[in-house]
């Protein structure tokens, strides 16, 4: 649990492991990871909640 009392979940953004509060959006996790989803996302990152164990690869990561 975080200081706010929210459960924590693990996500992976462009190979960077993060722990975020349950209820965090993918867009917020991208910001925390210092990543960017680019102008066009395949899902609506601002409306999609992170799931425990979720792996997110941005277009930037796919070009490496």
N, C-alpha and C. Protein backbone atom coordinates (compact mmCIF):
# COMPACT_ATOMS: atom_id res chain seq x y z
N UNK A 1 0.83 -1.18 0.00
CA UNK A 1 0.00 0.00 0.00
C UNK A 1 0.88 1.25 0.00
N UNK A 2 0.41 2.26 -0.69
CA UNK A 2 1.14 3.53 -0.74
C UNK A 2 0.74 4.38 0.47
N UNK A 3 1.36 5.53 0.58
CA UNK A 3 1.03 6.45 1.67
C UNK A 3 -0.45 6.86 1.62
N UNK A 4 -1.02 6.89 0.41
CA UNK A 4 -2.43 7.26 0.27
C UNK A 4 -3.36 6.11 0.63
N UNK A 5 -2.80 4.93 0.88
CA UNK A 5 -3.61 3.77 1.22
C UNK A 5 -4.03 2.95 0.01
N UNK A 6 -3.65 3.40 -1.18
CA UNK A 6 -4.01 2.67 -2.39
C UNK A 6 -3.08 1.48 -2.58
N UNK A 7 -3.63 0.39 -3.10
CA UNK A 7 -2.81 -0.78 -3.42
C UNK A 7 -1.83 -0.40 -4.53
N UNK A 8 -0.69 -1.03 -4.55
CA UNK A 8 0.33 -0.78 -5.58
C UNK A 8 0.32 -1.94 -6.57
N UNK A 9 0.55 -1.62 -7.84
CA UNK A 9 0.66 -2.63 -8.88
C UNK A 9 1.95 -2.41 -9.65
N UNK A 10 2.41 -3.45 -10.33
CA UNK A 10 3.65 -3.36 -11.11
C UNK A 10 3.32 -3.30 -12.59
N UNK A 11 3.98 -2.36 -13.27
CA UNK A 11 3.86 -2.24 -14.72
C UNK A 11 5.26 -2.08 -15.30
N UNK A 12 5.37 -2.33 -16.58
CA UNK A 12 6.65 -2.20 -17.27
C UNK A 12 6.44 -1.30 -18.48
N UNK A 13 7.12 -0.15 -18.48
CA UNK A 13 7.02 0.81 -19.58
C UNK A 13 8.36 0.85 -20.29
N UNK A 14 8.39 0.46 -21.56
CA UNK A 14 9.64 0.47 -22.33
C UNK A 14 10.79 -0.17 -21.56
N UNK A 15 10.53 -1.33 -21.00
CA UNK A 15 11.52 -2.13 -20.25
C UNK A 15 11.90 -1.53 -18.90
N UNK A 16 11.19 -0.50 -18.44
CA UNK A 16 11.43 0.09 -17.13
C UNK A 16 10.33 -0.37 -16.18
N UNK A 17 10.72 -1.09 -15.13
CA UNK A 17 9.75 -1.59 -14.15
C UNK A 17 9.36 -0.45 -13.21
N UNK A 18 8.05 -0.28 -13.03
CA UNK A 18 7.51 0.75 -12.14
C UNK A 18 6.49 0.14 -11.21
N UNK A 19 6.30 0.76 -10.07
CA UNK A 19 5.21 0.43 -9.18
C UNK A 19 4.34 1.67 -9.08
N UNK A 20 3.06 1.53 -9.36
CA UNK A 20 2.13 2.66 -9.34
C UNK A 20 0.92 2.30 -8.50
N UNK A 21 0.18 3.31 -8.07
CA UNK A 21 -1.06 3.07 -7.34
C UNK A 21 -2.08 2.41 -8.27
N UNK A 22 -2.85 1.48 -7.73
CA UNK A 22 -3.98 0.93 -8.49
C UNK A 22 -4.87 2.10 -8.87
N UNK A 23 -5.39 2.10 -10.08
CA UNK A 23 -6.21 3.20 -10.56
C UNK A 23 -5.44 4.23 -11.37
N UNK A 24 -4.12 4.03 -11.48
CA UNK A 24 -3.28 4.93 -12.29
C UNK A 24 -3.55 4.66 -13.77
N UNK A 25 -3.66 5.71 -14.56
CA UNK A 25 -3.86 5.51 -16.00
C UNK A 25 -2.53 5.21 -16.67
N UNK A 26 -2.61 4.61 -17.85
CA UNK A 26 -1.41 4.35 -18.64
C UNK A 26 -0.71 5.67 -18.95
N UNK A 27 -1.46 6.72 -19.24
CA UNK A 27 -0.85 8.02 -19.54
C UNK A 27 -0.03 8.53 -18.36
N UNK A 28 -0.55 8.40 -17.14
CA UNK A 28 0.18 8.83 -15.96
C UNK A 28 1.43 7.98 -15.76
N UNK A 29 1.34 6.69 -16.01
CA UNK A 29 2.50 5.81 -15.89
C UNK A 29 3.57 6.17 -16.92
N UNK A 30 3.14 6.56 -18.13
CA UNK A 30 4.09 7.00 -19.15
C UNK A 30 4.86 8.22 -18.68
N UNK A 31 4.17 9.16 -18.06
CA UNK A 31 4.82 10.36 -17.54
C UNK A 31 5.81 9.98 -16.44
N UNK A 32 5.39 9.12 -15.52
CA UNK A 32 6.28 8.68 -14.43
C UNK A 32 7.53 8.00 -14.97
N UNK A 33 7.39 7.30 -16.10
CA UNK A 33 8.51 6.58 -16.70
C UNK A 33 9.37 7.49 -17.57
N UNK A 34 8.90 8.72 -17.80
CA UNK A 34 9.64 9.62 -18.68
C UNK A 34 9.48 9.24 -20.14
N UNK A 35 8.43 8.51 -20.44
CA UNK A 35 8.18 8.04 -21.81
C UNK A 35 7.08 8.89 -22.44
N UNK A 36 6.91 8.71 -23.72
CA UNK A 36 5.86 9.40 -24.44
C UNK A 36 5.20 8.41 -25.38
N UNK A 37 3.88 8.48 -25.42
CA UNK A 37 3.16 7.58 -26.31
C UNK A 37 3.09 8.08 -27.73
N UNK A 38 3.60 9.27 -28.00
CA UNK A 38 3.53 9.83 -29.34
C UNK A 38 2.18 10.46 -29.59
N UNK A 39 2.00 10.97 -30.79
CA UNK A 39 0.77 11.68 -31.12
C UNK A 39 -0.41 10.74 -31.25
N UNK A 40 -0.18 9.53 -31.69
CA UNK A 40 -1.27 8.57 -31.92
C UNK A 40 -1.01 7.32 -31.10
N UNK A 41 -1.93 6.97 -30.22
CA UNK A 41 -1.80 5.77 -29.41
C UNK A 41 -2.76 4.71 -29.92
N UNK A 42 -2.37 3.43 -29.78
CA UNK A 42 -3.28 2.39 -30.21
C UNK A 42 -4.43 2.22 -29.23
N UNK A 43 -4.24 2.64 -28.01
CA UNK A 43 -5.32 2.66 -27.01
C UNK A 43 -5.36 4.06 -26.43
N UNK A 44 -6.46 4.39 -25.82
CA UNK A 44 -6.58 5.70 -25.19
C UNK A 44 -5.91 5.65 -23.83
N UNK A 45 -4.66 6.04 -23.78
CA UNK A 45 -3.85 5.92 -22.57
C UNK A 45 -4.43 6.72 -21.41
N UNK A 46 -5.10 7.81 -21.70
CA UNK A 46 -5.66 8.64 -20.63
C UNK A 46 -6.94 8.03 -20.06
N UNK A 47 -7.49 7.02 -20.73
CA UNK A 47 -8.73 6.38 -20.27
C UNK A 47 -8.52 4.92 -19.89
N UNK A 48 -7.29 4.43 -20.03
CA UNK A 48 -7.00 3.03 -19.74
C UNK A 48 -6.24 2.91 -18.43
N UNK A 49 -6.78 2.13 -17.50
CA UNK A 49 -6.11 1.93 -16.23
C UNK A 49 -5.03 0.86 -16.36
N UNK A 50 -3.94 1.07 -15.66
CA UNK A 50 -2.87 0.07 -15.63
C UNK A 50 -3.38 -1.19 -14.94
N UNK A 51 -2.87 -2.33 -15.39
CA UNK A 51 -3.16 -3.62 -14.76
C UNK A 51 -1.86 -4.19 -14.23
N UNK A 52 -1.95 -4.93 -13.14
CA UNK A 52 -0.75 -5.52 -12.56
C UNK A 52 -0.07 -6.43 -13.58
N UNK A 53 1.23 -6.23 -13.75
CA UNK A 53 2.00 -7.03 -14.70
C UNK A 53 1.94 -6.53 -16.13
N UNK A 54 1.24 -5.44 -16.36
CA UNK A 54 1.08 -4.91 -17.72
C UNK A 54 2.42 -4.47 -18.32
N UNK A 55 2.59 -4.75 -19.60
CA UNK A 55 3.77 -4.32 -20.35
C UNK A 55 3.31 -3.33 -21.41
N UNK A 56 3.92 -2.14 -21.40
CA UNK A 56 3.59 -1.10 -22.37
C UNK A 56 4.86 -0.77 -23.15
N UNK A 57 4.78 -0.87 -24.45
CA UNK A 57 5.88 -0.50 -25.32
C UNK A 57 5.44 0.68 -26.17
N UNK A 58 6.19 1.77 -26.11
CA UNK A 58 5.86 2.93 -26.93
C UNK A 58 6.53 2.77 -28.28
N UNK A 59 6.13 3.61 -29.22
CA UNK A 59 6.76 3.57 -30.54
C UNK A 59 8.24 3.86 -30.46
N UNK A 60 8.63 4.72 -29.55
CA UNK A 60 10.04 5.05 -29.37
C UNK A 60 10.84 3.80 -28.99
N UNK A 61 10.29 2.99 -28.10
CA UNK A 61 10.99 1.77 -27.68
C UNK A 61 11.09 0.78 -28.82
N UNK A 62 10.09 0.77 -29.70
CA UNK A 62 10.09 -0.18 -30.80
C UNK A 62 11.10 0.18 -31.90
N UNK A 63 11.63 1.39 -31.87
CA UNK A 63 12.60 1.81 -32.91
C UNK A 63 14.03 1.63 -32.46
N UNK A 64 14.24 1.17 -31.25
CA UNK A 64 15.60 0.96 -30.74
C UNK A 64 16.19 -0.30 -31.25
